[in-house]
Amino acid sequence: MILTDFRFRVLPFVNRYVAFFQVGHHIIEGKEVKLENPFVVLRKNEQGSNVVPIMAVIRKKLLFRTRPKPI
């Protein structure tokens, strides 16, 4: 599947907890939720290295409660 003409964006929050997410010609409504157990994004270094740098800590997620609606 080639996604060269694929549109993907997060629209500005209506308020602090409601988010709209646009994928192609569809829009999805959701809300911001705090994760019970945060997780980290790691970057793998060269082979033989014992150091693994932390790139990000993810504490929140967007939870979508509706099916995609065409726009």
PDB file of N, CA and C in Angstrom:
ATOM      1  N   MET A   1       0.847  -1.183   0.000  1.00  0.00           N
ATOM      2  CA  MET A   1       0.000   0.000   0.000  1.00  0.00           C
ATOM      3  C   MET A   1       0.885   1.235   0.000  1.00  0.00           C
ATOM      4  N   ILE A   2       0.696   2.117  -0.956  1.00  0.00           N
ATOM      5  CA  ILE A   2       1.484   3.341  -1.071  1.00  0.00           C
ATOM      6  C   ILE A   2       0.649   4.504  -0.560  1.00  0.00           C
ATOM      7  N   LEU A   3       1.223   5.291   0.354  1.00  0.00           N
ATOM      8  CA  LEU A   3       0.494   6.388   0.983  1.00  0.00           C
ATOM      9  C   LEU A   3       1.032   7.748   0.556  1.00  0.00           C
ATOM     10  N   THR A   4       1.357   7.931  -0.708  1.00  0.00           N
ATOM     11  CA  THR A   4       1.936   9.200  -1.140  1.00  0.00           C
ATOM     12  C   THR A   4       0.924  10.336  -1.080  1.00  0.00           C
ATOM     13  N   ASP A   5      -0.348  10.075  -1.352  1.00  0.00           N
ATOM     14  CA  ASP A   5      -1.373  11.121  -1.327  1.00  0.00           C
ATOM     15  C   ASP A   5      -2.240  11.034  -0.076  1.00  0.00           C
ATOM     16  N   PHE A   6      -1.739  10.415   0.962  1.00  0.00           N
ATOM     17  CA  PHE A   6      -2.498  10.184   2.186  1.00  0.00           C
ATOM     18  C   PHE A   6      -2.418  11.414   3.076  1.00  0.00           C
ATOM     19  N   ARG A   7      -3.573  11.926   3.518  1.00  0.00           N
ATOM     20  CA  ARG A   7      -3.621  13.076   4.423  1.00  0.00           C
ATOM     21  C   ARG A   7      -3.872  12.605   5.843  1.00  0.00           C
ATOM     22  N   PHE A   8      -3.089  13.118   6.770  1.00  0.00           N
ATOM     23  CA  PHE A   8      -3.181  12.719   8.169  1.00  0.00           C
ATOM     24  C   PHE A   8      -2.905  13.950   9.010  1.00  0.00           C
ATOM     25  N   ARG A   9      -3.813  14.308   9.917  1.00  0.00           N
ATOM     26  CA  ARG A   9      -3.542  15.440  10.800  1.00  0.00           C
ATOM     27  C   ARG A   9      -4.449  15.390  12.020  1.00  0.00           C
ATOM     28  N   VAL A  10      -3.984  16.003  13.091  1.00  0.00           N
ATOM     29  CA  VAL A  10      -4.771  16.158  14.309  1.00  0.00           C
ATOM     30  C   VAL A  10      -5.251  17.596  14.313  1.00  0.00           C
ATOM     31  N   LEU A  11      -6.549  17.773  14.396  1.00  0.00           N
ATOM     32  CA  LEU A  11      -7.118  19.111  14.420  1.00  0.00           C
ATOM     33  C   LEU A  11      -6.977  19.692  15.819  1.00  0.00           C
ATOM     34  N   PRO A  12      -7.004  21.015  15.952  1.00  0.00           N
ATOM     35  CA  PRO A  12      -6.854  21.621  17.281  1.00  0.00           C
ATOM     36  C   PRO A  12      -7.933  21.128  18.249  1.00  0.00           C
ATOM     37  N   PHE A  13      -7.580  21.029  19.514  1.00  0.00           N
ATOM     38  CA  PHE A  13      -8.522  20.599  20.546  1.00  0.00           C
ATOM     39  C   PHE A  13      -9.653  21.611  20.659  1.00  0.00           C
ATOM     40  N   VAL A  14     -10.899  21.132  20.777  1.00  0.00           N
ATOM     41  CA  VAL A  14     -12.051  22.010  21.003  1.00  0.00           C
ATOM     42  C   VAL A  14     -11.954  22.564  22.416  1.00  0.00           C
ATOM     43  N   ASN A  15     -11.716  21.698  23.366  1.00  0.00           N
ATOM     44  CA  ASN A  15     -11.373  22.105  24.722  1.00  0.00           C
ATOM     45  C   ASN A  15     -10.221  21.209  25.164  1.00  0.00           C
ATOM     46  N   ARG A  16      -9.904  21.201  26.410  1.00  0.00           N
ATOM     47  CA  ARG A  16      -8.718  20.470  26.869  1.00  0.00           C
ATOM     48  C   ARG A  16      -8.805  18.966  26.632  1.00  0.00           C
ATOM     49  N   TYR A  17     -10.008  18.391  26.597  1.00  0.00           N
ATOM     50  CA  TYR A  17     -10.128  16.938  26.561  1.00  0.00           C
ATOM     51  C   TYR A  17     -10.750  16.366  25.297  1.00  0.00           C
ATOM     52  N   VAL A  18     -11.252  17.193  24.383  1.00  0.00           N
ATOM     53  CA  VAL A  18     -11.882  16.685  23.160  1.00  0.00           C
ATOM     54  C   VAL A  18     -10.971  16.969  21.972  1.00  0.00           C
ATOM     55  N   ALA A  19     -10.688  15.921  21.180  1.00  0.00           N
ATOM     56  CA  ALA A  19      -9.800  16.061  20.025  1.00  0.00           C
ATOM     57  C   ALA A  19     -10.496  15.537  18.776  1.00  0.00           C
ATOM     58  N   PHE A  20     -10.144  16.113  17.630  1.00  0.00           N
ATOM     59  CA  PHE A  20     -10.625  15.634  16.346  1.00  0.00           C
ATOM     60  C   PHE A  20      -9.413  15.218  15.528  1.00  0.00           C
ATOM     61  N   PHE A  21      -9.524  14.107  14.841  1.00  0.00           N
ATOM     62  CA  PHE A  21      -8.420  13.497  14.116  1.00  0.00           C
ATOM     63  C   PHE A  21      -8.887  13.248  12.694  1.00  0.00           C
ATOM     64  N   GLN A  22      -8.190  13.810  11.715  1.00  0.00           N
ATOM     65  CA  GLN A  22      -8.579  13.657  10.314  1.00  0.00           C
ATOM     66  C   GLN A  22      -7.627  12.701   9.613  1.00  0.00           C
ATOM     67  N   VAL A  23      -8.205  11.676   8.986  1.00  0.00           N
ATOM     68  CA  VAL A  23      -7.448  10.705   8.204  1.00  0.00           C
ATOM     69  C   VAL A  23      -8.081  10.652   6.830  1.00  0.00           C
ATOM     70  N   GLY A  24      -7.359  11.143   5.829  1.00  0.00           N
ATOM     71  CA  GLY A  24      -7.924  11.172   4.481  1.00  0.00           C
ATOM     72  C   GLY A  24      -9.173  12.028   4.448  1.00  0.00           C
ATOM     73  N   HIS A  25     -10.297  11.445   4.037  1.00  0.00           N
ATOM     74  CA  HIS A  25     -11.567  12.167   3.963  1.00  0.00           C
ATOM     75  C   HIS A  25     -12.495  11.790   5.107  1.00  0.00           C
ATOM     76  N   HIS A  26     -11.942  11.363   6.232  1.00  0.00           N
ATOM     77  CA  HIS A  26     -12.731  10.974   7.389  1.00  0.00           C
ATOM     78  C   HIS A  26     -12.254  11.727   8.620  1.00  0.00           C
ATOM     79  N   ILE A  27     -13.174  11.947   9.560  1.00  0.00           N
ATOM     80  CA  ILE A  27     -12.832  12.618  10.810  1.00  0.00           C
ATOM     81  C   ILE A  27     -13.323  11.749  11.968  1.00  0.00           C
ATOM     82  N   ILE A  28     -12.528  11.697  13.034  1.00  0.00           N
ATOM     83  CA  ILE A  28     -12.843  10.880  14.204  1.00  0.00           C
ATOM     84  C   ILE A  28     -12.779  11.782  15.432  1.00  0.00           C
ATOM     85  N   GLU A  29     -13.749  11.628  16.344  1.00  0.00           N
ATOM     86  CA  GLU A  29     -13.769  12.403  17.580  1.00  0.00           C
ATOM     87  C   GLU A  29     -13.285  11.530  18.726  1.00  0.00           C
ATOM     88  N   GLY A  30     -12.486  12.115  19.599  1.00  0.00           N
ATOM     89  CA  GLY A  30     -11.970  11.358  20.730  1.00  0.00           C
ATOM     90  C   GLY A  30     -11.663  12.266  21.898  1.00  0.00           C
ATOM     91  N   LYS A  31     -11.017  11.708  22.901  1.00  0.00           N
ATOM     92  CA  LYS A  31     -10.650  12.495  24.071  1.00  0.00           C
ATOM     93  C   LYS A  31      -9.266  12.086  24.560  1.00  0.00           C
ATOM     94  N   GLU A  32      -8.664  12.981  25.315  1.00  0.00           N
ATOM     95  CA  GLU A  32      -7.341  12.744  25.884  1.00  0.00           C
ATOM     96  C   GLU A  32      -7.492  11.974  27.188  1.00  0.00           C
ATOM     97  N   VAL A  33      -6.716  10.895  27.339  1.00  0.00           N
ATOM     98  CA  VAL A  33      -6.791  10.045  28.528  1.00  0.00           C
ATOM     99  C   VAL A  33      -5.380   9.841  29.069  1.00  0.00           C
ATOM    100  N   LYS A  34      -5.249   9.930  30.380  1.00  0.00           N
ATOM    101  CA  LYS A  34      -3.957   9.689  31.016  1.00  0.00           C
ATOM    102  C   LYS A  34      -3.726   8.181  31.103  1.00  0.00           C
ATOM    103  N   LEU A  35      -2.526   7.727  30.723  1.00  0.00           N
ATOM    104  CA  LEU A  35      -2.188   6.306  30.799  1.00  0.00           C
ATOM    105  C   LEU A  35      -1.948   5.898  32.250  1.00  0.00           C
ATOM    106  N   GLU A  36      -2.417   4.721  32.614  1.00  0.00           N
ATOM    107  CA  GLU A  36      -2.196   4.215  33.966  1.00  0.00           C
ATOM    108  C   GLU A  36      -0.713   3.934  34.197  1.00  0.00           C
ATOM    109  N   ASN A  37      -0.058   3.337  33.196  1.00  0.00           N
ATOM    110  CA  ASN A  37       1.378   3.047  33.261  1.00  0.00           C
ATOM    111  C   ASN A  37       2.062   3.692  32.059  1.00  0.00           C
ATOM    112  N   PRO A  38       2.772   4.805  32.267  1.00  0.00           N
ATOM    113  CA  PRO A  38       3.481   5.430  31.147  1.00  0.00           C
ATOM    114  C   PRO A  38       4.522   4.479  30.564  1.00  0.00           C
ATOM    115  N   PHE A  39       4.873   4.709  29.303  1.00  0.00           N
ATOM    116  CA  PHE A  39       5.931   3.903  28.697  1.00  0.00           C
ATOM    117  C   PHE A  39       6.893   4.800  27.943  1.00  0.00           C
ATOM    118  N   VAL A  40       8.062   4.261  27.602  1.00  0.00           N
ATOM    119  CA  VAL A  40       9.111   5.053  26.972  1.00  0.00           C
ATOM    120  C   VAL A  40       9.375   4.561  25.555  1.00  0.00           C
ATOM    121  N   VAL A  41       9.889   5.477  24.745  1.00  0.00           N
ATOM    122  CA  VAL A  41      10.330   5.158  23.388  1.00  0.00           C
ATOM    123  C   VAL A  41      11.851   5.159  23.429  1.00  0.00           C
ATOM    124  N   LEU A  42      12.443   4.043  23.040  1.00  0.00           N
ATOM    125  CA  LEU A  42      13.898   3.889  23.088  1.00  0.00           C
ATOM    126  C   LEU A  42      14.480   3.899  21.682  1.00  0.00           C
ATOM    127  N   ARG A  43      15.733   4.309  21.573  1.00  0.00           N
ATOM    128  CA  ARG A  43      16.442   4.263  20.293  1.00  0.00           C
ATOM    129  C   ARG A  43      17.573   3.261  20.408  1.00  0.00           C
ATOM    130  N   LYS A  44      17.581   2.326  19.489  1.00  0.00           N
ATOM    131  CA  LYS A  44      18.628   1.304  19.481  1.00  0.00           C
ATOM    132  C   LYS A  44      19.911   1.916  18.921  1.00  0.00           C
ATOM    133  N   ASN A  45      20.999   1.737  19.644  1.00  0.00           N
ATOM    134  CA  ASN A  45      22.297   2.259  19.211  1.00  0.00           C
ATOM    135  C   ASN A  45      23.064   1.219  18.423  1.00  0.00           C
ATOM    136  N   GLU A  46      24.311   1.510  18.197  1.00  0.00           N
ATOM    137  CA  GLU A  46      25.192   0.593  17.477  1.00  0.00           C
ATOM    138  C   GLU A  46      25.250  -0.756  18.182  1.00  0.00           C
ATOM    139  N   GLN A  47      25.565  -1.771  17.420  1.00  0.00           N
ATOM    140  CA  GLN A  47      25.710  -3.099  18.013  1.00  0.00           C
ATOM    141  C   GLN A  47      26.897  -3.096  18.965  1.00  0.00           C
ATOM    142  N   GLY A  48      26.730  -3.779  20.062  1.00  0.00           N
ATOM    143  CA  GLY A  48      27.797  -3.841  21.046  1.00  0.00           C
ATOM    144  C   GLY A  48      27.707  -2.753  22.102  1.00  0.00           C
ATOM    145  N   SER A  49      26.835  -1.779  21.920  1.00  0.00           N
ATOM    146  CA  SER A  49      26.685  -0.709  22.893  1.00  0.00           C
ATOM    147  C   SER A  49      25.669  -1.121  23.954  1.00  0.00           C
ATOM    148  N   ASN A  50      25.985  -0.837  25.212  1.00  0.00           N
ATOM    149  CA  ASN A  50      25.078  -1.155  26.314  1.00  0.00           C
ATOM    150  C   ASN A  50      24.207   0.031  26.694  1.00  0.00           C
ATOM    151  N   VAL A  51      24.339   1.138  25.990  1.00  0.00           N
ATOM    152  CA  VAL A  51      23.575   2.345  26.286  1.00  0.00           C
ATOM    153  C   VAL A  51      22.377   2.418  25.346  1.00  0.00           C
ATOM    154  N   VAL A  52      21.185   2.622  25.928  1.00  0.00           N
ATOM    155  CA  VAL A  52      19.962   2.771  25.139  1.00  0.00           C
ATOM    156  C   VAL A  52      19.327   4.098  25.533  1.00  0.00           C
ATOM    157  N   PRO A  53      19.435   5.124  24.684  1.00  0.00           N
ATOM    158  CA  PRO A  53      18.875   6.426  25.049  1.00  0.00           C
ATOM    159  C   PRO A  53      17.344   6.428  25.011  1.00  0.00           C
ATOM    160  N   ILE A  54      16.745   7.161  25.946  1.00  0.00           N
ATOM    161  CA  ILE A  54      15.293   7.338  25.993  1.00  0.00           C
ATOM    162  C   ILE A  54      14.947   8.536  25.120  1.00  0.00           C
ATOM    163  N   MET A  55      14.078   8.329  24.134  1.00  0.00           N
ATOM    164  CA  MET A  55      13.699   9.390  23.207  1.00  0.00           C
ATOM    165  C   MET A  55      12.460  10.150  23.684  1.00  0.00           C
ATOM    166  N   ALA A  56      11.517   9.467  24.344  1.00  0.00           N
ATOM    167  CA  ALA A  56      10.286  10.114  24.804  1.00  0.00           C
ATOM    168  C   ALA A  56       9.644   9.285  25.904  1.00  0.00           C
ATOM    169  N   VAL A  57       8.860   9.963  26.748  1.00  0.00           N
ATOM    170  CA  VAL A  57       8.031   9.298  27.746  1.00  0.00           C
ATOM    171  C   VAL A  57       6.587   9.616  27.383  1.00  0.00           C
ATOM    172  N   ILE A  58       5.777   8.586  27.164  1.00  0.00           N
ATOM    173  CA  ILE A  58       4.388   8.783  26.747  1.00  0.00           C
ATOM    174  C   ILE A  58       3.497   8.591  27.966  1.00  0.00           C
ATOM    175  N   ARG A  59       2.777   9.660  28.329  1.00  0.00           N
ATOM    176  CA  ARG A  59       1.928   9.646  29.519  1.00  0.00           C
ATOM    177  C   ARG A  59       0.445   9.753  29.197  1.00  0.00           C
ATOM    178  N   LYS A  60       0.109  10.185  27.969  1.00  0.00           N
ATOM    179  CA  LYS A  60      -1.292  10.375  27.579  1.00  0.00           C
ATOM    180  C   LYS A  60      -1.542   9.720  26.233  1.00  0.00           C
ATOM    181  N   LYS A  61      -2.794   9.414  25.967  1.00  0.00           N
ATOM    182  CA  LYS A  61      -3.181   8.866  24.668  1.00  0.00           C
ATOM    183  C   LYS A  61      -4.498   9.500  24.243  1.00  0.00           C
ATOM    184  N   LEU A  62      -4.809   9.389  22.962  1.00  0.00           N
ATOM    185  CA  LEU A  62      -6.101   9.831  22.451  1.00  0.00           C
ATOM    186  C   LEU A  62      -6.976   8.599  22.292  1.00  0.00           C
ATOM    187  N   LEU A  63      -8.131   8.609  22.928  1.00  0.00           N
ATOM    188  CA  LEU A  63      -9.074   7.496  22.885  1.00  0.00           C
ATOM    189  C   LEU A  63     -10.255   7.930  22.029  1.00  0.00           C
ATOM    190  N   PHE A  64     -10.470   7.245  20.906  1.00  0.00           N
ATOM    191  CA  PHE A  64     -11.533   7.610  19.979  1.00  0.00           C
ATOM    192  C   PHE A  64     -12.763   6.775  20.258  1.00  0.00           C
ATOM    193  N   ARG A  65     -13.905   7.454  20.442  1.00  0.00           N
ATOM    194  CA  ARG A  65     -15.128   6.761  20.832  1.00  0.00           C
ATOM    195  C   ARG A  65     -16.137   6.650  19.700  1.00  0.00           C
ATOM    196  N   THR A  66     -15.846   7.252  18.570  1.00  0.00           N
ATOM    197  CA  THR A  66     -16.787   7.197  17.452  1.00  0.00           C
ATOM    198  C   THR A  66     -16.127   6.543  16.249  1.00  0.00           C
ATOM    199  N   ARG A  67     -16.958   6.083  15.347  1.00  0.00           N
ATOM    200  CA  ARG A  67     -16.461   5.538  14.080  1.00  0.00           C
ATOM    201  C   ARG A  67     -16.123   6.711  13.160  1.00  0.00           C
ATOM    202  N   PRO A  68     -15.236   6.529  12.201  1.00  0.00           N
ATOM    203  CA  PRO A  68     -14.903   7.610  11.271  1.00  0.00           C
ATOM    204  C   PRO A  68     -16.136   8.092  10.505  1.00  0.00           C
ATOM    205  N   LYS A  69     -16.253   9.428  10.390  1.00  0.00           N
ATOM    206  CA  LYS A  69     -17.354  10.036   9.646  1.00  0.00           C
ATOM    207  C   LYS A  69     -16.783  10.698   8.399  1.00  0.00           C
ATOM    208  N   PRO A  70     -17.427  10.537   7.247  1.00  0.00           N
ATOM    209  CA  PRO A  70     -16.931  11.203   6.038  1.00  0.00           C
ATOM    210  C   PRO A  70     -17.132  12.713   6.131  1.00  0.00           C
ATOM    211  N   ILE A  71     -16.183  13.472   5.561  1.00  0.00           N
ATOM    212  CA  ILE A  71     -16.320  14.936   5.548  1.00  0.00           C
ATOM    213  C   ILE A  71     -16.425  15.436   4.130  1.00  0.00           C
TER     214      ILE A  71
END
